C-alpha atoms as a PDB file:
ATOM      1  CA  UNK A   1       0.000   0.000   0.000  1.00  0.00           C
ATOM      2  CA  UNK A   2       1.306   3.414  -0.868  1.00  0.00           C
ATOM      3  CA  UNK A   3       1.660   6.243   1.577  1.00  0.00           C
ATOM      4  CA  UNK A   4      -0.926   8.232  -0.376  1.00  0.00           C
ATOM      5  CA  UNK A   5      -3.487   5.444   0.027  1.00  0.00           C
ATOM      6  CA  UNK A   6      -2.792   5.228   3.766  1.00  0.00           C
ATOM      7  CA  UNK A   7      -3.191   8.992   4.115  1.00  0.00           C
ATOM      8  CA  UNK A   8      -6.418   8.810   2.096  1.00  0.00           C
ATOM      9  CA  UNK A   9      -7.840   6.132   4.380  1.00  0.00           C
ATOM     10  CA  UNK A  10      -6.846   8.062   7.480  1.00  0.00           C
ATOM     11  CA  UNK A  11      -8.449  11.200   6.058  1.00  0.00           C
ATOM     12  CA  UNK A  12     -11.654   9.269   5.286  1.00  0.00           C
ATOM     13  CA  UNK A  13     -11.705   7.861   8.803  1.00  0.00           C
ATOM     14  CA  UNK A  14     -11.198  11.298  10.285  1.00  0.00           C
ATOM     15  CA  UNK A  15     -13.985  12.740   8.131  1.00  0.00           C
ATOM     16  CA  UNK A  16     -16.322   9.934   9.173  1.00  0.00           C
ATOM     17  CA  UNK A  17     -15.510  10.509  12.828  1.00  0.00           C
ATOM     18  CA  UNK A  18     -16.221  14.229  12.402  1.00  0.00           C
ATOM     19  CA  UNK A  19     -19.590  13.426  10.814  1.00  0.00           C
ATOM     20  CA  UNK A  20     -20.357  11.064  13.668  1.00  0.00           C
ATOM     21  CA  UNK A  21     -19.402  13.723  16.191  1.00  0.00           C
ATOM     22  CA  UNK A  22     -21.666  16.207  14.428  1.00  0.00           C
ATOM     23  CA  UNK A  23     -24.566  13.742  14.421  1.00  0.00           C
ATOM     24  CA  UNK A  24     -24.062  12.977  18.108  1.00  0.00           C
ATOM     25  CA  UNK A  25     -24.050  16.701  18.889  1.00  0.00           C
ATOM     26  CA  UNK A  26     -27.322  17.043  16.988  1.00  0.00           C
ATOM     27  CA  UNK A  27     -28.708  14.073  18.876  1.00  0.00           C
ATOM     28  CA  UNK A  28     -27.708  15.611  22.204  1.00  0.00           C
ATOM     29  CA  UNK A  29     -29.367  18.880  21.234  1.00  0.00           C
ATOM     30  CA  UNK A  30     -32.479  17.085  20.016  1.00  0.00           C
ATOM     31  CA  UNK A  31     -32.918  14.899  23.086  1.00  0.00           C
ATOM     32  CA  UNK A  32     -32.218  17.808  25.393  1.00  0.00           C
ATOM     33  CA  UNK A  33     -34.981  19.779  23.673  1.00  0.00           C
ATOM     34  CA  UNK A  34     -35.198  23.431  24.408  1.00  0.00           C
ATOM     35  CA  UNK A  35     -33.826  24.863  27.603  1.00  0.00           C
ATOM     36  CA  UNK A  36     -36.240  26.083  30.285  1.00  0.00           C
ATOM     37  CA  UNK A  37     -35.335  29.674  29.395  1.00  0.00           C
ATOM     38  CA  UNK A  38     -36.276  29.060  25.758  1.00  0.00           C
ATOM     39  CA  UNK A  39     -39.522  27.335  26.745  1.00  0.00           C
ATOM     40  CA  UNK A  40     -40.490  30.294  28.932  1.00  0.00           C
ATOM     41  CA  UNK A  41     -39.661  32.746  26.166  1.00  0.00           C
ATOM     42  CA  UNK A  42     -41.741  30.802  23.654  1.00  0.00           C
ATOM     43  CA  UNK A  43     -44.665  30.546  26.033  1.00  0.00           C
ATOM     44  CA  UNK A  44     -45.178  26.834  25.361  1.00  0.00           C
ATOM     45  CA  UNK A  45     -43.581  23.652  26.647  1.00  0.00           C
ATOM     46  CA  UNK A  46     -41.763  21.357  24.195  1.00  0.00           C
ATOM     47  CA  UNK A  47     -43.727  18.364  22.935  1.00  0.00           C
ATOM     48  CA  UNK A  48     -41.992  15.309  24.486  1.00  0.00           C
ATOM     49  CA  UNK A  49     -44.208  12.876  22.544  1.00  0.00           C
ATOM     50  CA  UNK A  50     -42.971  14.120  19.160  1.00  0.00           C
ATOM     51  CA  UNK A  51     -39.381  14.007  20.312  1.00  0.00           C
ATOM     52  CA  UNK A  52     -39.751  10.484  21.675  1.00  0.00           C
ATOM     53  CA  UNK A  53     -41.274   9.294  18.410  1.00  0.00           C
ATOM     54  CA  UNK A  54     -38.169  10.373  16.505  1.00  0.00           C
ATOM     55  CA  UNK A  55     -35.642   8.814  18.901  1.00  0.00           C
ATOM     56  CA  UNK A  56     -35.663   5.361  17.186  1.00  0.00           C
ATOM     57  CA  UNK A  57     -34.931   6.972  13.801  1.00  0.00           C
ATOM     58  CA  UNK A  58     -32.125   9.038  15.284  1.00  0.00           C
ATOM     59  CA  UNK A  59     -30.665   5.988  16.994  1.00  0.00           C
ATOM     60  CA  UNK A  60     -30.882   4.015  13.758  1.00  0.00           C
ATOM     61  CA  UNK A  61     -29.056   6.771  11.899  1.00  0.00           C
ATOM     62  CA  UNK A  62     -26.419   6.955  14.658  1.00  0.00           C
ATOM     63  CA  UNK A  63     -26.041   3.166  14.497  1.00  0.00           C
ATOM     64  CA  UNK A  64     -25.456   3.316  10.725  1.00  0.00           C
ATOM     65  CA  UNK A  65     -22.837   6.031  11.191  1.00  0.00           C
ATOM     66  CA  UNK A  66     -21.060   4.028  13.889  1.00  0.00           C
ATOM     67  CA  UNK A  67     -21.045   0.929  11.681  1.00  0.00           C
ATOM     68  CA  UNK A  68     -19.599   3.020   8.844  1.00  0.00           C
ATOM     69  CA  UNK A  69     -16.885   4.390  11.152  1.00  0.00           C
ATOM     70  CA  UNK A  70     -16.004   0.895  12.352  1.00  0.00           C
ATOM     71  CA  UNK A  71     -15.791  -0.409   8.780  1.00  0.00           C
ATOM     72  CA  UNK A  72     -13.562   2.491   7.818  1.00  0.00           C
ATOM     73  CA  UNK A  73     -11.301   1.887  10.817  1.00  0.00           C
ATOM     74  CA  UNK A  74     -11.194  -1.840  10.050  1.00  0.00           C
ATOM     75  CA  UNK A  75     -10.140  -1.112   6.449  1.00  0.00           C
ATOM     76  CA  UNK A  76      -7.518   1.324   7.693  1.00  0.00           C
ATOM     77  CA  UNK A  77      -6.138  -1.219  10.150  1.00  0.00           C
ATOM     78  CA  UNK A  78      -6.003  -3.921   7.479  1.00  0.00           C
ATOM     79  CA  UNK A  79      -4.138  -1.637   5.080  1.00  0.00           C
ATOM     80  CA  UNK A  80      -1.681  -0.570   7.778  1.00  0.00           C
ATOM     81  CA  UNK A  81      -1.089  -4.172   8.829  1.00  0.00           C
ATOM     82  CA  UNK A  82      -0.394  -5.285   5.261  1.00  0.00           C
ATOM     83  CA  UNK A  83       1.940  -2.345   4.679  1.00  0.00           C
ATOM     84  CA  UNK A  84       3.771  -3.084   7.908  1.00  0.00           C
ATOM     85  CA  UNK A  85       4.063  -6.773   7.036  1.00  0.00           C
ATOM     86  CA  UNK A  86       5.494  -5.897   3.603  1.00  0.00           C
ATOM     87  CA  UNK A  87       8.037  -3.531   5.136  1.00  0.00           C
ATOM     88  CA  UNK A  88       8.997  -6.122   7.747  1.00  0.00           C
ATOM     89  CA  UNK A  89       9.506  -8.725   5.022  1.00  0.00           C
ATOM     90  CA  UNK A  90      11.792  -6.379   3.075  1.00  0.00           C
ATOM     91  CA  UNK A  91      13.732  -5.507   6.235  1.00  0.00           C
ATOM     92  CA  UNK A  92      14.060  -9.195   7.101  1.00  0.00           C
ATOM     93  CA  UNK A  93      15.460  -9.977   3.648  1.00  0.00           C
ATOM     94  CA  UNK A  94      17.988  -7.136   3.914  1.00  0.00           C
ATOM     95  CA  UNK A  95      19.067  -8.312   7.357  1.00  0.00           C
ATOM     96  CA  UNK A  96      19.526 -11.831   5.996  1.00  0.00           C
ATOM     97  CA  UNK A  97      21.746 -10.475   3.187  1.00  0.00           C
ATOM     98  CA  UNK A  98      23.826  -8.444   5.654  1.00  0.00           C
ATOM     99  CA  UNK A  99      24.163 -11.431   7.974  1.00  0.00           C
ATOM    100  CA  UNK A 100      25.295 -13.639   5.103  1.00  0.00           C
ATOM    101  CA  UNK A 101      27.804 -11.047   3.901  1.00  0.00           C
ATOM    102  CA  UNK A 102      29.126 -10.589   7.445  1.00  0.00           C
ATOM    103  CA  UNK A 103      29.482 -14.338   7.869  1.00  0.00           C
ATOM    104  CA  UNK A 104      31.430 -14.645   4.595  1.00  0.00           C
ATOM    105  CA  UNK A 105      33.658 -11.713   5.547  1.00  0.00           C
ATOM    106  CA  UNK A 106      34.355 -13.181   9.008  1.00  0.00           C
ATOM    107  CA  UNK A 107      35.177 -16.568   7.478  1.00  0.00           C
ATOM    108  CA  UNK A 108      37.572 -14.937   4.979  1.00  0.00           C
ATOM    109  CA  UNK A 109      39.275 -13.015   7.794  1.00  0.00           C
ATOM    110  CA  UNK A 110      39.707 -16.198   9.834  1.00  0.00           C
ATOM    111  CA  UNK A 111      41.107 -18.028   6.775  1.00  0.00           C
ATOM    112  CA  UNK A 112      43.569 -15.166   6.250  1.00  0.00           C
ATOM    113  CA  UNK A 113      44.628 -15.324   9.890  1.00  0.00           C
ATOM    114  CA  UNK A 114      45.144 -19.100   9.617  1.00  0.00           C
ATOM    115  CA  UNK A 115      47.356 -18.621   6.548  1.00  0.00           C
ATOM    116  CA  UNK A 116      49.281 -15.850   8.288  1.00  0.00           C
ATOM    117  CA  UNK A 117      49.777 -18.092  11.322  1.00  0.00           C
ATOM    118  CA  UNK A 118      51.036 -20.958   9.142  1.00  0.00           C
ATOM    119  CA  UNK A 119      53.479 -18.601   7.371  1.00  0.00           C
ATOM    120  CA  UNK A 120      54.766 -17.404  10.714  1.00  0.00           C
ATOM    121  CA  UNK A 121      55.167 -20.994  11.925  1.00  0.00           C
ATOM    122  CA  UNK A 122      57.323 -21.887   8.869  1.00  0.00           C
END
């Protein structure tokens, strides 16, 4: 996965979370109704029956938004995990190459030291 795709997914997740936050704020305002000061100024009490009738629809909409956020986060996590696994695989292969090269170099150095020791012994 490219960095642009990861940034795109993170941006989408952030946008979805902002929409969810906005919807929850609306829900809080809706369920709270009008304040007592507003009710006194209007001269009539808010209709709790109408508000209660709309609560299931609001909750359904909030549920859909939450499901959408969770799906977006799940997709993001999957993409990040696959990217991380790819990078780890590449790093592992490079470490294996370095280890092999180091092993060969150490063996060559030890062979050289053995030859030098045999020349000194002669």
